[in-house]
Amino acid sequence: MNKEQTIHFTGIKGCGMSALALVLNGEGYKVQGSDLPKYFFTQKGLEEAEVPMFEFNPENITKDMLVIAGNAFPDSHEELVAAREKGAEVVRYHKFLGELLAGYTSVAVTGSHGKTSTTGLLSHVLSSMFPTSYLIGDGTGFGVVDSKYFVLEACEYKRHFMAYHPDYAVMTNIDFDHPDYYTDIEDVQSAFEAFGRQVQKGIIACGDDERLRQIDTTTPITFYGINENNQVVAKNIEKDTNGSHFDCYIDGELFGHFDIPTYGTHNILNALAVITFFYLNELSAEELAKHLKTFNGVKRRFSEKKINDITIIDDYAHHPSEIRATLDAARQKYPNKKVVAVFQPHTFTRTIALISEFAQALSLADDVYLCDIFASVRETGGQVSIQDLADLIEKEAEVLDVENLSPLLKYKDAVIVFMGAGDVQKFEFAYERLLSDTMPNKQ
């Protein structure tokens, strides 16, 4: 790979792909890509960086390109077929990224949930103090040629993280997900254990997670959490409408006091993972505390806006555990407001496998609305409908039509939480247009 060679991303709007494209673009490489024509939130950063984007077409490929293939697209994809026929080099996203890590102190953040937020937080504090390149699953990527650290989100889907041999790994939790690939929770745990054995220096793991406590690996592990049996522990926790506040003790001694402007217990755990990395690398607790206060979050993770008297929250939550965490955060920040969930399931396989858990998690909201199941590029349909999920929820759940969101107009001074990993944002944007059209001063 040289800076005169064009690097083409097949599937550039994917979260990891767009972030990697931005990293390479920032390091001075010639980057372009292709994807479906419909809008996806990751393309905003690509457009701002003036990265050329095209619709999928075999004519996009020339023989002198390096083609990075998104993991969502099979070898039979028209562009990948064309690349092989023309003699262009084709590398899968995860393999390319694994090779890129050499030369940095690398930190891979993985887990069934919380990867993106934790990667974003660690990237934020490190880049505030040192030259740092990072790749976040919300589509954010940043590259610096002389970086000391490289922080990346490492996805467990199809064991893609096995392409990485990082210096450190943060493991937030182990839960059953991706039922189109993993057979059961034991299969998921075996993947994390195999990845853990590839970590060079140390694993930073949430000790409050039962599965992580059982992980079998020879790599040294430092456990963090709220429970007293962890090496790194949050104590004297206070939660309010401005965020969360706690003291961190390591091996029984006070390491520092920390204030974070984020909500929910899961964000305290995310902060503890970052604190643990600083401790292991003998970095300043005082500097860390200062920069933790300035973290503004990552895209599509509890992203907020207000229209009239309605607070709209946009979140990527697409698993029951993530729904619970998002609703918990909304309750903390808005304890006196009605919390309304608008949820779009992502993939038929996940919906079938976790339908009861989805129903239980959504029942924690005051009111529930559902959007039709979003099918990924990996599937064409399934033996479950959105009404099947609606029937299991403890309270009445209405299925929304994007052409008619008037049922949401009855809410006043409420919090409406849009959740999902598909195109739930089209429902959110349609609702925002409705709210704007009903503003009191609207002529």
Protein backbone atom coordinates (compact mmCIF):
# COMPACT_ATOMS: atom_id res chain seq x y z
CA MET A 1 0.00 0.00 0.00
CA ASN A 2 1.35 3.39 -0.98
CA LYS A 3 -0.10 6.87 -1.03
CA GLU A 4 -0.29 6.93 -4.83
CA GLN A 5 -2.59 3.89 -4.89
CA THR A 6 -6.36 4.37 -4.72
CA ILE A 7 -8.02 2.48 -1.90
CA HIS A 8 -11.61 1.59 -2.76
CA PHE A 9 -14.10 0.60 -0.02
CA THR A 10 -16.90 -1.71 -1.15
CA GLY A 11 -19.61 -0.92 1.40
CA ILE A 12 -18.10 2.38 2.58
CA LYS A 13 -21.20 3.46 4.54
CA GLY A 14 -20.81 0.60 7.00
CA CYS A 15 -19.92 1.84 10.49
CA GLY A 16 -16.46 0.28 10.61
CA MET A 17 -15.76 0.84 6.92
CA SER A 18 -16.56 4.55 6.98
CA ALA A 19 -14.41 5.01 10.08
CA LEU A 20 -11.45 3.18 8.50
CA ALA A 21 -11.84 5.25 5.33
CA LEU A 22 -11.62 8.41 7.44
CA VAL A 23 -8.51 7.12 9.25
CA LEU A 24 -6.70 6.44 5.96
CA ASN A 25 -7.93 9.69 4.44
CA GLY A 26 -6.53 11.54 7.46
CA GLU A 27 -3.17 9.83 6.95
CA GLY A 28 -3.01 11.11 3.37
CA TYR A 29 -4.13 8.10 1.35
CA LYS A 30 -6.34 8.34 -1.75
CA VAL A 31 -9.68 6.94 -0.59
CA GLN A 32 -13.00 6.38 -2.32
CA GLY A 33 -15.91 3.96 -1.90
CA SER A 34 -19.28 2.68 -2.99
CA ASP A 35 -22.53 1.66 -1.34
CA LEU A 36 -26.30 1.68 -1.69
CA PRO A 37 -27.77 5.05 -2.74
CA LYS A 38 -29.97 5.55 0.35
CA TYR A 39 -28.77 7.85 3.11
CA PHE A 40 -27.03 6.37 6.14
CA PHE A 41 -25.81 8.44 9.08
CA THR A 42 -22.15 7.47 8.61
CA GLN A 43 -21.89 9.26 5.27
CA LYS A 44 -21.98 12.71 6.86
CA GLY A 45 -18.36 12.43 7.99
CA LEU A 46 -17.30 11.07 4.62
CA GLU A 47 -18.99 13.96 2.84
CA GLU A 48 -17.32 16.48 5.16
CA ALA A 49 -13.93 14.89 4.41
CA GLU A 50 -14.77 15.03 0.66
CA VAL A 51 -14.30 11.29 0.21
CA PRO A 52 -15.75 10.32 -3.22
CA MET A 53 -18.71 7.92 -2.98
CA PHE A 54 -20.47 6.02 -5.75
CA GLU A 55 -23.30 3.54 -6.14
CA PHE A 56 -22.23 -0.10 -6.41
CA ASN A 57 -20.96 -0.76 -9.93
CA PRO A 58 -18.26 -3.08 -11.32
CA GLU A 59 -17.01 -0.12 -13.36
CA ASN A 60 -15.87 1.54 -10.11
CA ILE A 61 -13.00 -0.96 -9.96
CA THR A 62 -9.66 -0.72 -11.77
CA LYS A 63 -6.82 -3.22 -11.63
CA ASP A 64 -4.40 -0.91 -9.82
CA MET A 65 -6.71 -0.40 -6.80
CA LEU A 66 -6.58 -1.90 -3.34
CA VAL A 67 -10.16 -2.98 -2.64
CA ILE A 68 -11.27 -3.26 0.98
CA ALA A 69 -14.37 -5.43 1.22
CA GLY A 70 -17.03 -4.77 3.85
CA ASN A 71 -17.85 -7.82 5.94
CA ALA A 72 -21.55 -7.56 5.09
CA PHE A 73 -20.92 -8.33 1.42
CA PRO A 74 -20.17 -11.82 0.04
CA ASP A 75 -17.38 -12.68 -2.37
CA SER A 76 -20.07 -12.91 -5.06
CA HIS A 77 -20.76 -9.15 -4.83
CA GLU A 78 -20.43 -7.58 -8.29
CA GLU A 79 -17.59 -5.25 -7.33
CA LEU A 80 -15.56 -7.98 -5.64
CA VAL A 81 -16.04 -10.28 -8.64
CA ALA A 82 -14.89 -7.45 -10.92
CA ALA A 83 -11.86 -6.78 -8.71
CA ARG A 84 -10.69 -10.37 -8.95
CA GLU A 85 -11.30 -10.50 -12.68
CA LYS A 86 -9.30 -7.31 -13.23
CA GLY A 87 -6.47 -8.39 -10.94
CA ALA A 88 -7.01 -5.85 -8.16
CA GLU A 89 -5.98 -6.82 -4.63
CA VAL A 90 -8.99 -7.53 -2.37
CA VAL A 91 -8.67 -7.52 1.43
CA ARG A 92 -11.45 -8.00 3.97
CA TYR A 93 -12.00 -5.09 6.36
CA HIS A 94 -11.02 -6.93 9.54
CA LYS A 95 -7.85 -8.42 8.04
CA PHE A 96 -6.69 -5.06 6.72
CA LEU A 97 -7.33 -3.41 10.07
CA GLY A 98 -5.45 -6.14 11.90
CA GLU A 99 -2.36 -5.49 9.79
CA LEU A 100 -2.69 -1.73 10.30
CA LEU A 101 -2.22 -1.98 14.09
CA ALA A 102 1.51 -2.70 13.95
CA GLY A 103 3.61 0.19 15.21
CA TYR A 104 1.10 1.55 17.73
CA THR A 105 0.17 0.80 21.31
CA SER A 106 -3.13 -0.72 20.28
CA VAL A 107 -6.30 -1.10 22.30
CA ALA A 108 -9.20 -3.16 20.95
CA VAL A 109 -12.57 -2.58 22.60
CA THR A 110 -14.99 -5.47 22.32
CA GLY A 111 -18.09 -6.84 24.00
CA SER A 112 -21.66 -7.70 23.12
CA HIS A 113 -22.74 -4.19 24.14
CA GLY A 114 -21.05 -0.90 24.92
CA LYS A 115 -18.21 -1.20 22.40
CA THR A 116 -18.88 2.03 20.58
CA SER A 117 -19.39 4.24 23.62
CA THR A 118 -16.32 2.86 25.37
CA THR A 119 -14.16 3.16 22.25
CA GLY A 120 -15.36 6.74 21.85
CA LEU A 121 -14.60 7.60 25.47
CA LEU A 122 -11.10 6.09 25.43
CA SER A 123 -10.35 7.76 22.08
CA HIS A 124 -11.52 11.10 23.43
CA VAL A 125 -9.34 11.15 26.53
CA LEU A 126 -6.23 9.71 24.85
CA SER A 127 -6.43 12.05 21.84
CA SER A 128 -6.79 14.97 24.26
CA MET A 129 -3.38 14.06 25.69
CA PHE A 130 -1.39 12.20 22.99
CA PRO A 131 -1.30 11.72 19.20
CA THR A 132 -3.96 9.02 18.79
CA SER A 133 -5.61 7.35 15.82
CA TYR A 134 -8.98 5.77 16.41
CA LEU A 135 -11.77 3.88 14.73
CA ILE A 136 -15.21 3.93 16.31
CA GLY A 137 -18.23 1.87 15.31
CA ASP A 138 -20.42 4.93 14.89
CA GLY A 139 -18.57 5.70 11.66
CA THR A 140 -16.02 8.02 13.26
CA GLY A 141 -12.41 7.60 12.23
CA PHE A 142 -9.34 9.76 12.75
CA GLY A 143 -5.78 9.13 11.60
CA VAL A 144 -2.49 10.72 12.65
CA VAL A 145 0.75 9.58 11.07
CA ASP A 146 2.82 9.80 14.27
CA SER A 147 0.20 8.34 16.59
CA LYS A 148 1.34 6.72 19.82
CA TYR A 149 -1.98 4.94 20.37
CA PHE A 150 -4.49 3.26 18.11
CA VAL A 151 -7.93 2.60 19.61
CA LEU A 152 -10.38 0.48 17.66
CA GLU A 153 -13.78 -1.10 18.08
CA ALA A 154 -13.46 -4.87 17.59
CA CYS A 155 -16.61 -6.67 16.50
CA GLU A 156 -17.26 -10.25 17.56
CA TYR A 157 -19.60 -11.01 14.63
CA LYS A 158 -18.35 -14.07 12.71
CA ARG A 159 -15.27 -13.89 14.98
CA HIS A 160 -13.96 -10.94 12.97
CA PHE A 161 -11.95 -9.77 15.96
CA MET A 162 -9.73 -12.82 15.52
CA ALA A 163 -7.88 -10.77 12.86
CA TYR A 164 -6.50 -8.55 15.66
CA HIS A 165 -3.55 -9.09 18.03
CA PRO A 166 -3.75 -5.88 20.09
CA ASP A 167 -1.57 -4.88 23.03
CA TYR A 168 -4.67 -4.44 25.22
CA ALA A 169 -8.30 -5.47 24.97
CA VAL A 170 -11.27 -4.01 26.81
CA MET A 171 -14.13 -6.50 27.22
CA THR A 172 -17.38 -4.90 28.34
CA ASN A 173 -19.62 -8.01 28.57
CA ILE A 174 -20.56 -11.31 26.95
CA ASP A 175 -24.17 -11.77 25.88
CA PHE A 176 -26.01 -13.83 23.27
CA ASP A 177 -26.37 -11.94 20.02
CA HIS A 178 -25.91 -12.51 16.27
CA PRO A 179 -28.01 -15.70 16.31
CA ASP A 180 -27.52 -15.99 12.55
CA TYR A 181 -23.92 -16.99 13.33
CA TYR A 182 -23.51 -18.03 16.98
CA THR A 183 -25.30 -21.17 18.12
CA ASP A 184 -25.61 -20.27 21.81
CA ILE A 185 -24.01 -18.27 24.63
CA GLU A 186 -21.25 -20.88 25.04
CA ASP A 187 -20.27 -20.35 21.42
CA VAL A 188 -20.07 -16.60 22.03
CA GLN A 189 -17.93 -17.10 25.12
CA SER A 190 -15.55 -19.41 23.26
CA ALA A 191 -15.00 -16.66 20.68
CA PHE A 192 -14.13 -14.10 23.34
CA GLU A 193 -11.76 -16.56 25.00
CA ALA A 194 -9.99 -17.26 21.71
CA PHE A 195 -9.64 -13.55 21.05
CA GLY A 196 -8.39 -12.99 24.59
CA ARG A 197 -5.51 -15.40 24.03
CA GLN A 198 -4.30 -13.17 21.18
CA VAL A 199 -4.01 -10.05 23.37
CA GLN A 200 -0.36 -9.22 23.97
CA LYS A 201 -0.19 -7.32 27.27
CA GLY A 202 -3.46 -7.32 29.19
CA ILE A 203 -7.24 -7.67 29.21
CA ILE A 204 -9.43 -5.09 30.94
CA ALA A 205 -12.73 -6.83 31.70
CA CYS A 206 -15.96 -5.95 33.49
CA GLY A 207 -15.94 -8.22 36.52
CA ASP A 208 -19.64 -7.60 37.16
CA ASP A 209 -20.35 -9.68 34.07
CA GLU A 210 -20.80 -13.33 35.00
CA ARG A 211 -19.48 -14.64 31.68
CA LEU A 212 -16.36 -12.50 31.71
CA ARG A 213 -15.60 -13.77 35.23
CA GLN A 214 -15.44 -17.27 33.76
CA ILE A 215 -13.26 -16.43 30.77
CA ASP A 216 -10.45 -18.92 30.16
CA THR A 217 -7.34 -17.19 28.86
CA THR A 218 -3.65 -17.00 29.72
CA THR A 219 -3.48 -13.23 29.19
CA PRO A 220 -3.43 -11.22 32.47
CA ILE A 221 -6.87 -9.81 33.32
CA THR A 222 -7.73 -6.74 35.40
CA PHE A 223 -11.39 -6.70 36.46
CA TYR A 224 -13.35 -3.48 36.95
CA GLY A 225 -16.91 -2.91 38.17
CA ILE A 226 -19.21 -1.82 40.94
CA ASN A 227 -19.06 -5.07 42.90
CA GLU A 228 -16.45 -5.20 45.65
CA ASN A 229 -14.71 -8.30 44.27
CA ASN A 230 -13.16 -6.27 41.43
CA GLN A 231 -9.66 -4.82 41.45
CA VAL A 232 -10.97 -1.49 40.11
CA VAL A 233 -14.17 -0.43 41.89
CA ALA A 234 -16.55 2.54 41.69
CA LYS A 235 -17.77 3.65 45.12
CA ASN A 236 -19.83 6.51 46.55
CA ILE A 237 -21.82 6.68 43.32
CA GLU A 238 -24.18 9.60 42.85
CA LYS A 239 -26.48 10.01 39.85
CA ASP A 240 -28.32 13.18 38.98
CA THR A 241 -29.67 15.03 35.96
CA ASN A 242 -26.16 16.33 35.15
CA GLY A 243 -24.53 12.90 34.95
CA SER A 244 -22.83 10.49 37.32
CA HIS A 245 -20.18 10.98 39.99
CA PHE A 246 -18.05 8.42 41.83
CA ASP A 247 -14.78 7.61 43.55
CA CYS A 248 -12.56 4.93 42.02
CA TYR A 249 -10.61 2.60 44.27
CA ILE A 250 -7.88 0.31 42.93
CA ASP A 251 -6.68 -2.51 45.16
CA GLY A 252 -8.45 -0.79 48.04
CA GLU A 253 -6.75 2.60 47.57
CA LEU A 254 -8.37 5.77 46.22
CA PHE A 255 -7.26 6.38 42.64
CA GLY A 256 -9.38 9.47 42.06
CA HIS A 257 -12.79 11.12 41.95
CA PHE A 258 -14.52 11.24 38.58
CA ASP A 259 -17.50 13.11 37.12
CA ILE A 260 -18.98 12.01 33.81
CA PRO A 261 -21.64 13.94 31.85
CA THR A 262 -23.36 10.72 30.74
CA TYR A 263 -26.21 8.69 32.19
CA GLY A 264 -26.95 5.16 33.31
CA THR A 265 -24.91 2.54 35.17
CA HIS A 266 -23.45 1.26 31.89
CA ASN A 267 -21.65 4.56 31.36
CA ILE A 268 -20.05 4.35 34.81
CA LEU A 269 -18.74 0.92 33.83
CA ASN A 270 -17.45 2.32 30.53
CA ALA A 271 -15.57 5.01 32.42
CA LEU A 272 -14.08 2.39 34.76
CA ALA A 273 -12.67 0.52 31.75
CA VAL A 274 -10.88 3.70 30.63
CA ILE A 275 -9.67 4.40 34.16
CA THR A 276 -8.23 0.88 34.30
CA PHE A 277 -6.27 1.44 31.09
CA PHE A 278 -4.81 4.65 32.51
CA TYR A 279 -3.86 2.84 35.71
CA LEU A 280 -2.15 -0.03 33.88
CA ASN A 281 -0.16 2.40 31.75
CA GLU A 282 0.72 4.69 34.68
CA LEU A 283 -1.02 7.68 33.12
CA SER A 284 -2.30 10.67 35.08
CA ALA A 285 -5.56 10.23 37.00
CA GLU A 286 -5.88 14.02 37.29
CA GLU A 287 -5.61 14.54 33.53
CA LEU A 288 -8.05 11.72 32.93
CA ALA A 289 -10.61 13.23 35.32
CA LYS A 290 -10.36 16.55 33.48
CA HIS A 291 -10.97 15.05 30.05
CA LEU A 292 -13.73 12.65 31.15
CA LYS A 293 -15.81 15.74 31.97
CA THR A 294 -15.67 16.96 28.37
CA PHE A 295 -16.85 13.81 26.57
CA ASN A 296 -19.85 14.61 24.37
CA GLY A 297 -20.72 11.03 23.46
CA VAL A 298 -20.73 9.25 20.10
CA LYS A 299 -23.15 9.26 17.22
CA ARG A 300 -26.47 7.49 17.70
CA ARG A 301 -25.76 6.72 21.37
CA PHE A 302 -28.24 8.73 23.46
CA SER A 303 -28.06 11.62 20.96
CA GLU A 304 -30.54 14.31 21.99
CA LYS A 305 -32.42 17.21 20.47
CA LYS A 306 -35.43 19.23 21.57
CA ILE A 307 -38.36 20.40 19.44
CA ASN A 308 -41.10 22.38 21.18
CA ASP A 309 -41.49 20.66 24.56
CA ILE A 310 -40.48 17.22 23.26
CA THR A 311 -37.05 15.71 23.95
CA ILE A 312 -36.02 13.29 21.17
CA ILE A 313 -33.34 10.69 21.87
CA ASP A 314 -31.74 8.72 19.04
CA ASP A 315 -29.97 5.50 20.03
CA TYR A 316 -28.47 2.51 18.22
CA ALA A 317 -29.88 0.08 20.82
CA HIS A 318 -30.86 -3.12 19.00
CA HIS A 319 -30.53 -5.77 21.73
CA PRO A 320 -32.67 -6.15 24.88
CA SER A 321 -29.71 -5.34 27.16
CA GLU A 322 -29.05 -2.15 25.21
CA ILE A 323 -32.72 -1.13 25.34
CA ARG A 324 -32.65 -1.52 29.12
CA ALA A 325 -29.50 0.59 29.40
CA THR A 326 -30.90 3.36 27.17
CA LEU A 327 -34.19 3.54 29.07
CA ASP A 328 -32.26 3.54 32.38
CA ALA A 329 -30.24 6.53 31.16
CA ALA A 330 -33.40 8.35 30.06
CA ARG A 331 -34.98 7.79 33.49
CA GLN A 332 -31.88 9.20 35.21
CA LYS A 333 -31.73 12.37 33.13
CA TYR A 334 -35.50 12.93 32.94
CA PRO A 335 -36.93 11.46 36.14
CA ASN A 336 -40.17 13.45 35.98
CA LYS A 337 -41.06 12.96 32.33
CA LYS A 338 -42.92 10.24 30.46
CA VAL A 339 -40.49 8.03 28.54
CA VAL A 340 -41.86 6.68 25.23
CA ALA A 341 -40.01 3.96 23.30
CA VAL A 342 -40.12 3.78 19.49
CA PHE A 343 -38.25 0.62 18.51
CA GLN A 344 -37.35 -1.01 15.21
CA PRO A 345 -36.03 -4.61 15.50
CA HIS A 346 -32.90 -5.31 13.48
CA THR A 347 -32.87 -8.64 11.58
CA PHE A 348 -35.46 -11.41 11.70
CA THR A 349 -33.01 -13.88 13.24
CA ARG A 350 -32.32 -11.63 16.23
CA THR A 351 -36.03 -10.87 16.67
CA ILE A 352 -36.96 -14.56 16.71
CA ALA A 353 -34.15 -15.55 19.07
CA LEU A 354 -34.72 -12.75 21.60
CA ILE A 355 -38.40 -11.88 21.17
CA SER A 356 -39.37 -12.48 24.82
CA GLU A 357 -36.38 -10.48 26.07
CA PHE A 358 -37.28 -7.63 23.71
CA ALA A 359 -40.82 -7.58 25.06
CA GLN A 360 -39.61 -7.46 28.67
CA ALA A 361 -37.09 -4.68 28.01
CA LEU A 362 -39.54 -2.51 26.07
CA SER A 363 -42.13 -2.89 28.81
CA LEU A 364 -39.87 -0.67 30.97
CA ALA A 365 -40.99 2.34 28.93
CA ASP A 366 -44.20 4.18 29.77
CA ASP A 367 -45.55 3.68 26.23
CA VAL A 368 -44.27 1.57 23.34
CA TYR A 369 -44.44 1.98 19.57
CA LEU A 370 -42.91 -0.41 17.05
CA CYS A 371 -41.63 -0.12 13.49
CA ASP A 372 -41.51 -2.99 11.01
CA ILE A 373 -38.51 -5.33 11.31
CA PHE A 374 -35.45 -4.13 9.42
CA ALA A 375 -33.89 -6.92 7.34
CA SER A 376 -30.13 -6.66 6.92
CA VAL A 377 -28.26 -7.50 3.72
CA ARG A 378 -27.65 -10.95 5.24
CA GLU A 379 -31.30 -12.05 5.09
CA THR A 380 -34.39 -11.71 2.94
CA GLY A 381 -37.14 -12.47 5.46
CA GLY A 382 -38.13 -14.53 8.47
CA GLN A 383 -40.87 -16.39 10.30
CA VAL A 384 -41.77 -13.57 12.65
CA SER A 385 -43.73 -10.33 12.31
CA ILE A 386 -43.66 -7.07 14.20
CA GLN A 387 -47.14 -7.87 15.52
CA ASP A 388 -45.74 -11.01 17.18
CA LEU A 389 -43.49 -8.78 19.26
CA ALA A 390 -46.27 -6.29 19.96
CA ASP A 391 -48.48 -9.08 21.32
CA LEU A 392 -45.83 -10.05 23.93
CA ILE A 393 -45.31 -6.58 25.40
CA GLU A 394 -47.02 -6.09 28.76
CA LYS A 395 -48.72 -2.87 27.68
CA GLU A 396 -50.44 -2.03 24.43
CA ALA A 397 -47.86 -1.49 21.69
CA GLU A 398 -48.86 0.25 18.49
CA VAL A 399 -47.16 -0.44 15.15
CA LEU A 400 -46.26 2.79 13.37
CA ASP A 401 -46.42 3.63 9.68
CA VAL A 402 -43.77 6.12 8.58
CA GLU A 403 -46.45 7.88 6.51
CA ASN A 404 -48.61 8.41 9.60
CA LEU A 405 -46.86 9.31 12.85
CA SER A 406 -49.77 11.31 14.21
CA PRO A 407 -50.13 8.90 17.22
CA LEU A 408 -46.95 10.50 18.61
CA LEU A 409 -48.40 14.01 18.46
CA LYS A 410 -50.48 13.43 21.60
CA TYR A 411 -47.39 13.68 23.83
CA LYS A 412 -46.51 16.90 25.62
CA ASP A 413 -43.34 17.56 27.62
CA ALA A 414 -42.22 13.96 27.08
CA VAL A 415 -39.11 12.01 26.08
CA ILE A 416 -39.43 10.03 22.84
CA VAL A 417 -36.63 7.45 22.45
CA PHE A 418 -36.03 6.13 18.92
CA MET A 419 -34.02 2.90 19.05
CA GLY A 420 -32.69 0.52 16.41
CA ALA A 421 -29.75 -0.37 14.16
CA GLY A 422 -31.65 -0.19 10.86
CA ASP A 423 -33.35 2.86 9.37
CA VAL A 424 -35.41 3.87 12.40
CA GLN A 425 -34.12 7.39 11.82
CA LYS A 426 -36.55 7.80 8.92
CA PHE A 427 -39.35 7.54 11.51
CA GLU A 428 -37.53 9.99 13.76
CA PHE A 429 -37.00 12.53 10.99
CA ALA A 430 -40.62 12.24 9.86
CA TYR A 431 -41.74 12.85 13.45
CA GLU A 432 -39.45 15.87 13.72
CA ARG A 433 -41.00 17.33 10.57
CA LEU A 434 -44.46 16.82 12.06
CA LEU A 435 -43.42 18.57 15.28
CA SER A 436 -41.93 21.48 13.36
CA ASP A 437 -45.11 21.83 11.33
CA THR A 438 -47.16 22.06 14.53
CA MET A 439 -44.96 24.69 16.24
CA PRO A 440 -47.06 27.47 17.78
CA ASN A 441 -45.42 30.21 15.67
CA LYS A 442 -45.56 28.19 12.46
CA GLN A 443 -47.49 30.16 9.84
